[in-house]
């Protein structure tokens, strides 16, 4: 025991230096790990928000196309009613109107980005306004549009 105390009293500066170096190494490893996790999380956020933007652009294009076709369908219904009430003879152009009578449009939103955000946590998005708008779009607006059948005036 005396021998151990003797060695410790002679080499205590070396041992303290080793303890300090090991402590700094451990703290550095934790800092590096934390930085790496933050970087990965930031990259994930960027990827998810990019996917959401792409999904929204696709959804807007789909809804715009549906809207145009529904407007044509509405006009076709009006034309067919006029044909019926006016006793017009059949014309080739009427076949398009009759075709539009059975046309149906519906929207199925692309949700890959939103599903990824939900899965990884909404806290990935730091901007509260952006987070609220994304949730409002995917949880309120798009389900209403998807639930609408064709030829609804408020679509």
Foldseek 3Di string as FASTA:
>chain_A
DVVVVVVCVVCVVVVVVVVVVVVVVVVVVVVVVVVVVVVVLLVLLVVLVVVLVVQVVVQVVLVVVLVVLLVVLVVLVVVVVVCVVVVDDDDPVNVVSVVSPPDWGAGDGDCPSVVSCVVVDLVSDVDPVVSVVSCCCVVPVVVVRRPDIGPDPVD
